[in-house]
């Protein structure tokens, strides 16, 4: 069921133009963030150091698929509202709020910490975008967000816990075991 009416290859939104434009703009920025997080997750999947390769690479691949799965829903909703969505990688780069990471080498801990932080930020962006939808009474769009927020929060939790579990499984000295306690502290910065 679509709320949009198609006329002469243009999409006309059933919402007032300012509401549709504001919701579409918020969704387009969210879409840019989603693609940025997807690409970073895949990049870290591809560049995982051998110490974390077999353990964390499948996790990152699964998380990347989950992130990518919402992109079509967001883009299609933008179009249903009469907006235009992303056109290129450059467009994503201009809109994204999540920072890129072009570092040649990161440890598995650094990758997981950064992805957990980015997923936490995405969760915040999802809440903000849902609030824009609610403000304009676009409850059809807003209803998608609970699942997406739960997924982002779940990815954050799982990244932190996977690293903690990995550290507990490695026999090390007492001094080396102090390192995992800093992971949650690093995530809250």
N, C-alpha and C. Protein backbone atom coordinates (compact mmCIF):
# COMPACT_ATOMS: atom_id res chain seq x y z
N UNK A 1 0.84 -1.18 0.00
CA UNK A 1 0.00 0.00 0.00
C UNK A 1 0.89 1.24 0.00
N UNK A 2 0.67 2.11 -0.92
CA UNK A 2 1.47 3.31 -1.04
C UNK A 2 0.63 4.53 -0.77
N UNK A 3 1.22 5.49 -0.09
CA UNK A 3 0.52 6.74 0.17
C UNK A 3 0.69 7.73 -0.97
N UNK A 4 1.56 7.40 -1.91
CA UNK A 4 1.88 8.33 -2.97
C UNK A 4 0.97 8.13 -4.18
N UNK A 5 0.80 9.18 -4.93
CA UNK A 5 0.02 9.14 -6.16
C UNK A 5 0.98 9.47 -7.29
N UNK A 6 1.10 8.57 -8.28
CA UNK A 6 2.03 8.76 -9.38
C UNK A 6 1.34 9.53 -10.51
N UNK A 7 1.94 10.61 -10.94
CA UNK A 7 1.40 11.38 -12.06
C UNK A 7 2.55 11.87 -12.92
N UNK A 8 2.50 11.60 -14.20
CA UNK A 8 3.50 12.08 -15.15
C UNK A 8 4.93 11.82 -14.69
N UNK A 9 5.19 10.61 -14.24
CA UNK A 9 6.52 10.20 -13.77
C UNK A 9 7.02 10.98 -12.56
N UNK A 10 6.18 11.74 -11.91
CA UNK A 10 6.53 12.42 -10.67
C UNK A 10 5.70 11.79 -9.56
N UNK A 11 6.24 11.81 -8.39
CA UNK A 11 5.53 11.26 -7.25
C UNK A 11 5.01 12.43 -6.42
N UNK A 12 3.72 12.39 -6.14
CA UNK A 12 3.11 13.44 -5.33
C UNK A 12 2.79 12.84 -3.96
N UNK A 13 3.25 13.49 -2.93
CA UNK A 13 3.06 12.99 -1.58
C UNK A 13 1.69 13.39 -1.04
N UNK A 14 1.08 12.54 -0.23
CA UNK A 14 -0.19 12.89 0.39
C UNK A 14 -0.02 13.87 1.56
N UNK A 15 1.22 14.14 1.96
CA UNK A 15 1.50 15.05 3.07
C UNK A 15 1.72 16.45 2.54
N UNK A 16 1.54 17.46 3.38
CA UNK A 16 1.90 18.82 2.95
C UNK A 16 3.35 18.83 2.47
N UNK A 17 3.66 19.65 1.52
CA UNK A 17 4.98 19.62 0.89
C UNK A 17 6.11 19.86 1.89
N UNK A 18 5.91 20.74 2.88
CA UNK A 18 6.99 20.99 3.83
C UNK A 18 7.23 19.76 4.71
N UNK A 19 6.18 19.06 5.09
CA UNK A 19 6.32 17.85 5.92
C UNK A 19 7.01 16.75 5.11
N UNK A 20 6.55 16.53 3.90
CA UNK A 20 7.16 15.49 3.05
C UNK A 20 8.62 15.81 2.78
N UNK A 21 8.93 17.07 2.54
CA UNK A 21 10.31 17.47 2.27
C UNK A 21 11.19 17.27 3.50
N UNK A 22 10.70 17.61 4.67
CA UNK A 22 11.50 17.46 5.89
C UNK A 22 11.72 15.99 6.23
N UNK A 23 10.68 15.18 6.12
CA UNK A 23 10.83 13.74 6.40
C UNK A 23 11.76 13.12 5.36
N UNK A 24 11.59 13.46 4.09
CA UNK A 24 12.45 12.91 3.04
C UNK A 24 13.91 13.30 3.25
N UNK A 25 14.15 14.55 3.62
CA UNK A 25 15.54 15.00 3.86
C UNK A 25 16.15 14.25 5.04
N UNK A 26 15.39 14.07 6.10
CA UNK A 26 15.90 13.33 7.27
C UNK A 26 16.19 11.88 6.89
N UNK A 27 15.32 11.28 6.11
CA UNK A 27 15.53 9.90 5.68
C UNK A 27 16.73 9.78 4.74
N UNK A 28 16.93 10.76 3.88
CA UNK A 28 18.07 10.72 2.95
C UNK A 28 19.38 10.80 3.71
N UNK A 29 19.46 11.66 4.72
CA UNK A 29 20.66 11.74 5.55
C UNK A 29 20.87 10.43 6.30
N UNK A 30 19.80 9.87 6.83
CA UNK A 30 19.88 8.58 7.51
C UNK A 30 20.36 7.50 6.55
N UNK A 31 19.90 7.53 5.32
CA UNK A 31 20.33 6.57 4.32
C UNK A 31 21.83 6.69 4.06
N UNK A 32 22.34 7.91 3.99
CA UNK A 32 23.77 8.13 3.80
C UNK A 32 24.56 7.52 4.97
N UNK A 33 24.08 7.73 6.19
CA UNK A 33 24.74 7.15 7.36
C UNK A 33 24.70 5.63 7.32
N UNK A 34 23.59 5.08 6.86
CA UNK A 34 23.44 3.64 6.79
C UNK A 34 24.44 3.04 5.80
N UNK A 35 24.57 3.67 4.63
CA UNK A 35 25.56 3.19 3.66
C UNK A 35 26.98 3.36 4.18
N UNK A 36 27.26 4.46 4.87
CA UNK A 36 28.60 4.67 5.43
C UNK A 36 28.94 3.57 6.44
N UNK A 37 27.98 3.23 7.30
CA UNK A 37 28.21 2.17 8.29
C UNK A 37 28.34 0.81 7.61
N UNK A 38 27.53 0.58 6.60
CA UNK A 38 27.63 -0.68 5.85
C UNK A 38 29.03 -0.82 5.26
N UNK A 39 29.52 0.22 4.59
CA UNK A 39 30.82 0.13 3.93
C UNK A 39 31.95 -0.02 4.96
N UNK A 40 31.86 0.68 6.09
CA UNK A 40 32.89 0.54 7.12
C UNK A 40 32.86 -0.88 7.69
N UNK A 41 31.69 -1.42 7.91
CA UNK A 41 31.58 -2.78 8.44
C UNK A 41 32.19 -3.78 7.46
N UNK A 42 31.90 -3.62 6.17
CA UNK A 42 32.48 -4.50 5.16
C UNK A 42 33.99 -4.30 5.08
N UNK A 43 34.46 -3.08 5.14
CA UNK A 43 35.89 -2.81 5.10
C UNK A 43 36.60 -3.48 6.26
N UNK A 44 36.05 -3.37 7.46
CA UNK A 44 36.66 -4.02 8.61
C UNK A 44 36.58 -5.55 8.46
N UNK A 45 35.52 -6.06 7.88
CA UNK A 45 35.39 -7.49 7.57
C UNK A 45 36.53 -7.92 6.65
N UNK A 46 36.79 -7.13 5.61
CA UNK A 46 37.84 -7.47 4.64
C UNK A 46 39.25 -7.34 5.22
N UNK A 47 39.43 -6.42 6.16
CA UNK A 47 40.77 -6.12 6.68
C UNK A 47 41.02 -6.67 8.08
N UNK A 48 40.18 -7.55 8.55
CA UNK A 48 40.35 -8.12 9.90
C UNK A 48 41.70 -8.84 9.98
N UNK A 49 42.44 -8.53 11.02
CA UNK A 49 43.74 -9.17 11.25
C UNK A 49 43.55 -10.66 11.49
N UNK A 50 44.57 -11.46 11.20
CA UNK A 50 44.45 -12.91 11.37
C UNK A 50 44.01 -13.33 12.77
N UNK A 51 44.35 -12.56 13.80
CA UNK A 51 43.95 -12.95 15.16
C UNK A 51 42.44 -12.89 15.35
N UNK A 52 41.74 -12.12 14.55
CA UNK A 52 40.30 -12.02 14.69
C UNK A 52 39.54 -12.50 13.48
N UNK A 53 40.28 -12.96 12.46
CA UNK A 53 39.68 -13.27 11.18
C UNK A 53 38.56 -14.30 11.28
N UNK A 54 38.86 -15.47 11.81
CA UNK A 54 37.86 -16.53 11.85
C UNK A 54 36.77 -16.30 12.88
N UNK A 55 37.07 -15.47 13.87
CA UNK A 55 36.12 -15.22 14.95
C UNK A 55 35.16 -14.09 14.60
N UNK A 56 35.71 -12.97 14.15
CA UNK A 56 34.89 -11.76 13.98
C UNK A 56 34.44 -11.51 12.54
N UNK A 57 35.12 -12.07 11.57
CA UNK A 57 34.74 -11.81 10.18
C UNK A 57 33.30 -12.27 9.89
N UNK A 58 32.88 -13.45 10.33
CA UNK A 58 31.47 -13.83 10.09
C UNK A 58 30.49 -12.88 10.80
N UNK A 59 30.82 -12.43 11.99
CA UNK A 59 29.97 -11.48 12.71
C UNK A 59 29.81 -10.19 11.91
N UNK A 60 30.92 -9.66 11.42
CA UNK A 60 30.85 -8.40 10.66
C UNK A 60 30.10 -8.59 9.36
N UNK A 61 30.25 -9.74 8.72
CA UNK A 61 29.51 -10.00 7.49
C UNK A 61 28.01 -10.03 7.76
N UNK A 62 27.62 -10.69 8.83
CA UNK A 62 26.21 -10.76 9.20
C UNK A 62 25.65 -9.37 9.53
N UNK A 63 26.44 -8.59 10.27
CA UNK A 63 25.98 -7.25 10.62
C UNK A 63 25.87 -6.35 9.39
N UNK A 64 26.82 -6.48 8.46
CA UNK A 64 26.76 -5.68 7.23
C UNK A 64 25.50 -6.00 6.44
N UNK A 65 25.15 -7.28 6.36
CA UNK A 65 23.92 -7.67 5.65
C UNK A 65 22.68 -7.07 6.32
N UNK A 66 22.67 -7.07 7.65
CA UNK A 66 21.54 -6.49 8.37
C UNK A 66 21.42 -5.00 8.10
N UNK A 67 22.55 -4.32 8.08
CA UNK A 67 22.55 -2.87 7.81
C UNK A 67 22.07 -2.60 6.39
N UNK A 68 22.62 -3.35 5.43
CA UNK A 68 22.24 -3.16 4.03
C UNK A 68 20.76 -3.43 3.80
N UNK A 69 20.18 -4.33 4.57
CA UNK A 69 18.78 -4.72 4.34
C UNK A 69 17.79 -3.58 4.54
N UNK A 70 18.16 -2.55 5.28
CA UNK A 70 17.20 -1.46 5.50
C UNK A 70 17.32 -0.35 4.46
N UNK A 71 18.37 -0.39 3.63
CA UNK A 71 18.58 0.71 2.69
C UNK A 71 17.46 0.83 1.66
N UNK A 72 17.01 -0.29 1.10
CA UNK A 72 15.93 -0.21 0.11
C UNK A 72 14.64 0.30 0.73
N UNK A 73 14.36 -0.12 1.95
CA UNK A 73 13.13 0.34 2.62
C UNK A 73 13.17 1.85 2.80
N UNK A 74 14.32 2.37 3.25
CA UNK A 74 14.45 3.81 3.44
C UNK A 74 14.32 4.55 2.11
N UNK A 75 15.06 4.08 1.10
CA UNK A 75 15.03 4.76 -0.21
C UNK A 75 13.63 4.73 -0.83
N UNK A 76 12.96 3.59 -0.74
CA UNK A 76 11.62 3.50 -1.31
C UNK A 76 10.64 4.41 -0.58
N UNK A 77 10.81 4.54 0.72
CA UNK A 77 9.92 5.44 1.48
C UNK A 77 10.17 6.89 1.09
N UNK A 78 11.41 7.25 0.88
CA UNK A 78 11.72 8.61 0.42
C UNK A 78 10.99 8.89 -0.89
N UNK A 79 11.06 7.96 -1.81
CA UNK A 79 10.40 8.13 -3.10
C UNK A 79 8.88 8.18 -2.95
N UNK A 80 8.32 7.35 -2.06
CA UNK A 80 6.87 7.38 -1.82
C UNK A 80 6.42 8.73 -1.30
N UNK A 81 7.29 9.39 -0.55
CA UNK A 81 6.96 10.71 0.00
C UNK A 81 7.17 11.83 -1.02
N UNK A 82 7.68 11.47 -2.19
CA UNK A 82 7.88 12.47 -3.24
C UNK A 82 9.27 13.05 -3.27
N UNK A 83 10.16 12.52 -2.43
CA UNK A 83 11.53 13.03 -2.39
C UNK A 83 12.43 12.32 -3.38
N UNK A 84 13.63 12.84 -3.50
CA UNK A 84 14.67 12.16 -4.27
C UNK A 84 15.69 11.65 -3.28
N UNK A 85 16.27 10.53 -3.61
CA UNK A 85 17.20 9.90 -2.68
C UNK A 85 18.62 9.99 -3.21
N UNK A 86 19.51 9.25 -2.63
CA UNK A 86 20.93 9.32 -2.97
C UNK A 86 21.18 8.98 -4.43
N UNK A 87 22.17 9.68 -4.99
CA UNK A 87 22.52 9.47 -6.40
C UNK A 87 23.90 8.87 -6.58
N UNK A 88 24.79 9.03 -5.59
CA UNK A 88 26.17 8.63 -5.80
C UNK A 88 26.92 8.49 -4.48
N UNK A 89 28.12 7.94 -4.58
CA UNK A 89 29.01 7.86 -3.41
C UNK A 89 29.34 9.26 -2.92
N UNK A 90 29.53 10.20 -3.84
CA UNK A 90 29.80 11.59 -3.46
C UNK A 90 28.65 12.18 -2.67
N UNK A 91 27.43 11.87 -3.07
CA UNK A 91 26.24 12.36 -2.36
C UNK A 91 26.23 11.80 -0.94
N UNK A 92 26.55 10.52 -0.81
CA UNK A 92 26.64 9.92 0.52
C UNK A 92 27.68 10.66 1.36
N UNK A 93 28.85 10.89 0.78
CA UNK A 93 29.93 11.57 1.49
C UNK A 93 29.55 12.96 1.97
N UNK A 94 28.74 13.66 1.19
CA UNK A 94 28.33 15.01 1.60
C UNK A 94 27.31 14.98 2.74
N UNK A 95 26.52 13.92 2.84
CA UNK A 95 25.45 13.87 3.84
C UNK A 95 25.79 13.08 5.10
N UNK A 96 26.67 12.12 5.01
CA UNK A 96 26.91 11.22 6.14
C UNK A 96 27.45 11.96 7.36
N UNK A 97 26.99 11.50 8.52
CA UNK A 97 27.46 12.05 9.79
C UNK A 97 28.45 11.13 10.47
N UNK A 98 28.50 9.87 10.07
CA UNK A 98 29.46 8.93 10.62
C UNK A 98 30.80 9.13 9.93
N UNK A 99 31.86 9.12 10.72
CA UNK A 99 33.20 9.36 10.18
C UNK A 99 33.72 8.14 9.43
N UNK A 100 34.40 8.39 8.32
CA UNK A 100 35.09 7.32 7.60
C UNK A 100 36.35 6.95 8.38
N UNK A 101 36.90 5.79 8.05
CA UNK A 101 38.17 5.39 8.63
C UNK A 101 39.00 4.77 7.52
N UNK A 102 40.01 5.51 7.06
CA UNK A 102 40.87 5.05 5.98
C UNK A 102 42.21 4.54 6.49
N UNK A 103 42.30 4.25 7.78
CA UNK A 103 43.53 3.77 8.37
C UNK A 103 43.93 2.43 7.74
N UNK A 104 45.22 2.28 7.44
CA UNK A 104 45.69 1.05 6.81
C UNK A 104 45.58 -0.17 7.72
N UNK A 105 45.85 0.00 9.01
CA UNK A 105 45.80 -1.15 9.90
C UNK A 105 45.14 -0.77 11.22
N UNK A 106 44.19 -1.57 11.61
CA UNK A 106 43.56 -1.45 12.93
C UNK A 106 43.55 -2.83 13.56
N UNK A 107 43.66 -2.88 14.85
CA UNK A 107 43.54 -4.16 15.55
C UNK A 107 42.07 -4.55 15.57
N UNK A 108 41.80 -5.83 15.80
CA UNK A 108 40.40 -6.23 15.94
C UNK A 108 39.68 -5.44 17.02
N UNK A 109 40.35 -5.15 18.13
CA UNK A 109 39.73 -4.38 19.21
C UNK A 109 39.36 -2.98 18.73
N UNK A 110 40.24 -2.34 17.97
CA UNK A 110 39.94 -1.00 17.46
C UNK A 110 38.76 -1.03 16.49
N UNK A 111 38.72 -2.04 15.64
CA UNK A 111 37.61 -2.16 14.69
C UNK A 111 36.28 -2.35 15.41
N UNK A 112 36.26 -3.29 16.33
CA UNK A 112 35.01 -3.58 17.03
C UNK A 112 34.56 -2.40 17.88
N UNK A 113 35.51 -1.72 18.50
CA UNK A 113 35.18 -0.54 19.30
C UNK A 113 34.58 0.55 18.43
N UNK A 114 35.19 0.80 17.29
CA UNK A 114 34.68 1.84 16.39
C UNK A 114 33.31 1.48 15.83
N UNK A 115 33.13 0.23 15.45
CA UNK A 115 31.82 -0.18 14.93
C UNK A 115 30.74 -0.12 16.01
N UNK A 116 31.10 -0.47 17.23
CA UNK A 116 30.12 -0.37 18.32
C UNK A 116 29.72 1.09 18.53
N UNK A 117 30.69 1.98 18.50
CA UNK A 117 30.41 3.41 18.66
C UNK A 117 29.55 3.93 17.50
N UNK A 118 29.88 3.52 16.29
CA UNK A 118 29.11 3.96 15.12
C UNK A 118 27.68 3.42 15.15
N UNK A 119 27.50 2.18 15.59
CA UNK A 119 26.15 1.64 15.71
C UNK A 119 25.37 2.37 16.77
N UNK A 120 26.04 2.76 17.85
CA UNK A 120 25.38 3.56 18.89
C UNK A 120 24.95 4.92 18.31
N UNK A 121 25.82 5.53 17.50
CA UNK A 121 25.45 6.79 16.86
C UNK A 121 24.29 6.60 15.89
N UNK A 122 24.33 5.52 15.11
CA UNK A 122 23.23 5.25 14.18
C UNK A 122 21.92 5.10 14.93
N UNK A 123 21.95 4.43 16.06
CA UNK A 123 20.76 4.29 16.88
C UNK A 123 20.20 5.65 17.28
N UNK A 124 21.09 6.56 17.63
CA UNK A 124 20.67 7.93 17.96
C UNK A 124 20.08 8.64 16.75
N UNK A 125 20.71 8.47 15.58
CA UNK A 125 20.19 9.08 14.36
C UNK A 125 18.82 8.50 14.01
N UNK A 126 18.65 7.22 14.22
CA UNK A 126 17.35 6.58 13.97
C UNK A 126 16.27 7.19 14.86
N UNK A 127 16.59 7.41 16.13
CA UNK A 127 15.62 8.01 17.05
C UNK A 127 15.27 9.44 16.63
N UNK A 128 16.27 10.18 16.22
CA UNK A 128 16.03 11.57 15.79
C UNK A 128 15.16 11.60 14.54
N UNK A 129 15.44 10.72 13.60
CA UNK A 129 14.65 10.67 12.36
C UNK A 129 13.22 10.23 12.65
N UNK A 130 13.07 9.27 13.54
CA UNK A 130 11.71 8.85 13.95
C UNK A 130 10.95 10.02 14.56
N UNK A 131 11.64 10.85 15.34
CA UNK A 131 10.99 12.03 15.93
C UNK A 131 10.51 13.00 14.86
N UNK A 132 11.28 13.15 13.79
CA UNK A 132 10.85 14.01 12.67
C UNK A 132 9.59 13.44 12.05
N UNK A 133 9.55 12.14 11.86
CA UNK A 133 8.34 11.48 11.31
C UNK A 133 7.15 11.70 12.22
N UNK A 134 7.35 11.50 13.52
CA UNK A 134 6.26 11.68 14.49
C UNK A 134 5.76 13.12 14.49
N UNK A 135 6.69 14.07 14.40
CA UNK A 135 6.33 15.48 14.42
C UNK A 135 5.39 15.83 13.26
N UNK A 136 5.57 15.14 12.14
CA UNK A 136 4.74 15.40 10.95
C UNK A 136 3.64 14.36 10.79
N UNK A 137 3.37 13.61 11.83
CA UNK A 137 2.31 12.61 11.84
C UNK A 137 2.48 11.54 10.77
N UNK A 138 3.71 11.29 10.39
CA UNK A 138 4.00 10.24 9.41
C UNK A 138 4.27 8.95 10.17
N UNK A 139 3.22 8.37 10.69
CA UNK A 139 3.35 7.19 11.51
C UNK A 139 3.67 5.94 10.69
N UNK A 140 3.33 5.96 9.41
CA UNK A 140 3.67 4.82 8.56
C UNK A 140 5.19 4.67 8.45
N UNK A 141 5.88 5.78 8.29
CA UNK A 141 7.34 5.72 8.24
C UNK A 141 7.90 5.43 9.63
N UNK A 142 7.36 6.06 10.65
CA UNK A 142 7.88 5.91 12.01
C UNK A 142 7.81 4.47 12.51
N UNK A 143 6.85 3.70 12.02
CA UNK A 143 6.70 2.34 12.54
C UNK A 143 7.88 1.43 12.17
N UNK A 144 8.65 1.78 11.15
CA UNK A 144 9.83 0.99 10.78
C UNK A 144 10.93 1.10 11.84
N UNK A 145 10.96 2.19 12.54
CA UNK A 145 12.13 2.53 13.34
C UNK A 145 12.36 1.66 14.57
N UNK A 146 11.33 1.15 15.18
CA UNK A 146 11.54 0.34 16.39
C UNK A 146 12.42 -0.86 16.10
N UNK A 147 12.16 -1.54 15.01
CA UNK A 147 12.98 -2.69 14.63
C UNK A 147 14.40 -2.26 14.33
N UNK A 148 14.56 -1.18 13.58
CA UNK A 148 15.91 -0.72 13.21
C UNK A 148 16.70 -0.27 14.43
N UNK A 149 16.04 0.39 15.37
CA UNK A 149 16.71 0.81 16.60
C UNK A 149 17.14 -0.41 17.41
N UNK A 150 16.24 -1.38 17.53
CA UNK A 150 16.58 -2.61 18.25
C UNK A 150 17.77 -3.32 17.59
N UNK A 151 17.79 -3.34 16.27
CA UNK A 151 18.90 -3.98 15.56
C UNK A 151 20.21 -3.25 15.80
N UNK A 152 20.20 -1.92 15.74
CA UNK A 152 21.43 -1.15 15.97
C UNK A 152 21.92 -1.33 17.40
N UNK A 153 21.00 -1.29 18.36
CA UNK A 153 21.39 -1.51 19.75
C UNK A 153 21.92 -2.93 19.94
N UNK A 154 21.31 -3.89 19.28
CA UNK A 154 21.78 -5.27 19.35
C UNK A 154 23.17 -5.45 18.76
N UNK A 155 23.42 -4.79 17.63
CA UNK A 155 24.76 -4.86 17.03
C UNK A 155 25.80 -4.27 17.97
N UNK A 156 25.47 -3.14 18.59
CA UNK A 156 26.39 -2.51 19.54
C UNK A 156 26.72 -3.48 20.67
N UNK A 157 25.70 -4.03 21.28
CA UNK A 157 25.90 -4.96 22.39
C UNK A 157 26.72 -6.16 21.95
N UNK A 158 26.39 -6.72 20.79
CA UNK A 158 27.06 -7.93 20.35
C UNK A 158 28.53 -7.68 20.05
N UNK A 159 28.87 -6.54 19.48
CA UNK A 159 30.27 -6.22 19.20
C UNK A 159 31.08 -6.16 20.49
N UNK A 160 30.53 -5.51 21.50
CA UNK A 160 31.22 -5.39 22.79
C UNK A 160 31.36 -6.77 23.44
N UNK A 161 30.27 -7.52 23.48
CA UNK A 161 30.30 -8.83 24.15
C UNK A 161 31.14 -9.85 23.39
N UNK A 162 31.16 -9.79 22.07
CA UNK A 162 32.00 -10.72 21.30
C UNK A 162 33.47 -10.50 21.63
N UNK A 163 33.86 -9.24 21.74
CA UNK A 163 35.25 -8.94 22.08
C UNK A 163 35.56 -9.39 23.51
N UNK A 164 34.67 -9.14 24.43
CA UNK A 164 34.88 -9.58 25.82
C UNK A 164 35.01 -11.10 25.89
N UNK A 165 34.14 -11.81 25.19
CA UNK A 165 34.18 -13.28 25.20
C UNK A 165 35.49 -13.77 24.60
N UNK A 166 35.93 -13.13 23.53
CA UNK A 166 37.19 -13.50 22.91
C UNK A 166 38.34 -13.30 23.90
N UNK A 167 38.36 -12.20 24.60
CA UNK A 167 39.44 -11.94 25.55
C UNK A 167 39.42 -12.93 26.71
N UNK A 168 38.24 -13.32 27.14
CA UNK A 168 38.15 -14.31 28.23
C UNK A 168 38.65 -15.68 27.79
N UNK A 169 38.60 -15.96 26.49
CA UNK A 169 39.01 -17.27 25.99
C UNK A 169 40.52 -17.38 25.77
N UNK A 170 41.23 -16.27 25.86
CA UNK A 170 42.67 -16.27 25.63
C UNK A 170 43.40 -16.37 26.97
N UNK A 171 44.22 -17.40 27.16
CA UNK A 171 44.98 -17.47 28.41
C UNK A 171 46.08 -16.40 28.39
N UNK A 172 46.01 -15.49 29.33
CA UNK A 172 46.98 -14.39 29.40
C UNK A 172 47.33 -14.11 30.84
N UNK A 173 48.26 -13.21 31.02
CA UNK A 173 48.65 -12.81 32.36
C UNK A 173 47.59 -11.88 32.93
N UNK A 174 47.62 -11.67 34.20
CA UNK A 174 46.65 -10.80 34.86
C UNK A 174 46.72 -9.38 34.32
N UNK A 175 47.92 -8.90 34.02
CA UNK A 175 48.07 -7.54 33.51
C UNK A 175 47.39 -7.39 32.14
N UNK A 176 47.51 -8.40 31.29
CA UNK A 176 46.90 -8.34 29.97
C UNK A 176 45.38 -8.37 30.05
N UNK A 177 44.85 -9.01 31.08
CA UNK A 177 43.40 -9.08 31.22
C UNK A 177 42.78 -7.74 31.62
N UNK A 178 43.58 -6.78 32.00
CA UNK A 178 43.07 -5.46 32.37
C UNK A 178 42.56 -4.70 31.13
N UNK A 179 43.07 -5.02 29.96
CA UNK A 179 42.70 -4.32 28.73
C UNK A 179 41.21 -4.36 28.41
N UNK A 180 40.51 -5.49 28.56
CA UNK A 180 39.10 -5.49 28.16
C UNK A 180 38.22 -4.56 29.00
N UNK A 181 38.66 -4.22 30.20
CA UNK A 181 37.84 -3.33 31.01
C UNK A 181 37.81 -1.92 30.42
N UNK A 182 38.75 -1.60 29.56
CA UNK A 182 38.75 -0.27 28.96
C UNK A 182 37.85 -0.19 27.73
N UNK A 183 37.44 -1.31 27.19
CA UNK A 183 36.60 -1.28 25.98
C UNK A 183 35.31 -0.53 26.20
N UNK A 184 34.52 -0.81 27.24
CA UNK A 184 33.29 -0.04 27.44
C UNK A 184 33.59 1.44 27.72
N UNK A 185 34.68 1.71 28.41
CA UNK A 185 35.04 3.11 28.65
C UNK A 185 35.34 3.81 27.34
N UNK A 186 36.03 3.13 26.43
CA UNK A 186 36.33 3.73 25.13
C UNK A 186 35.07 3.95 24.31
N UNK A 187 34.08 3.09 24.47
CA UNK A 187 32.83 3.23 23.72
C UNK A 187 32.00 4.41 24.18
N UNK A 188 32.11 4.77 25.44
CA UNK A 188 31.29 5.86 25.97
C UNK A 188 31.88 7.22 25.68
N UNK A 189 33.08 7.27 25.14
CA UNK A 189 33.71 8.57 24.83
C UNK A 189 33.07 9.20 23.63
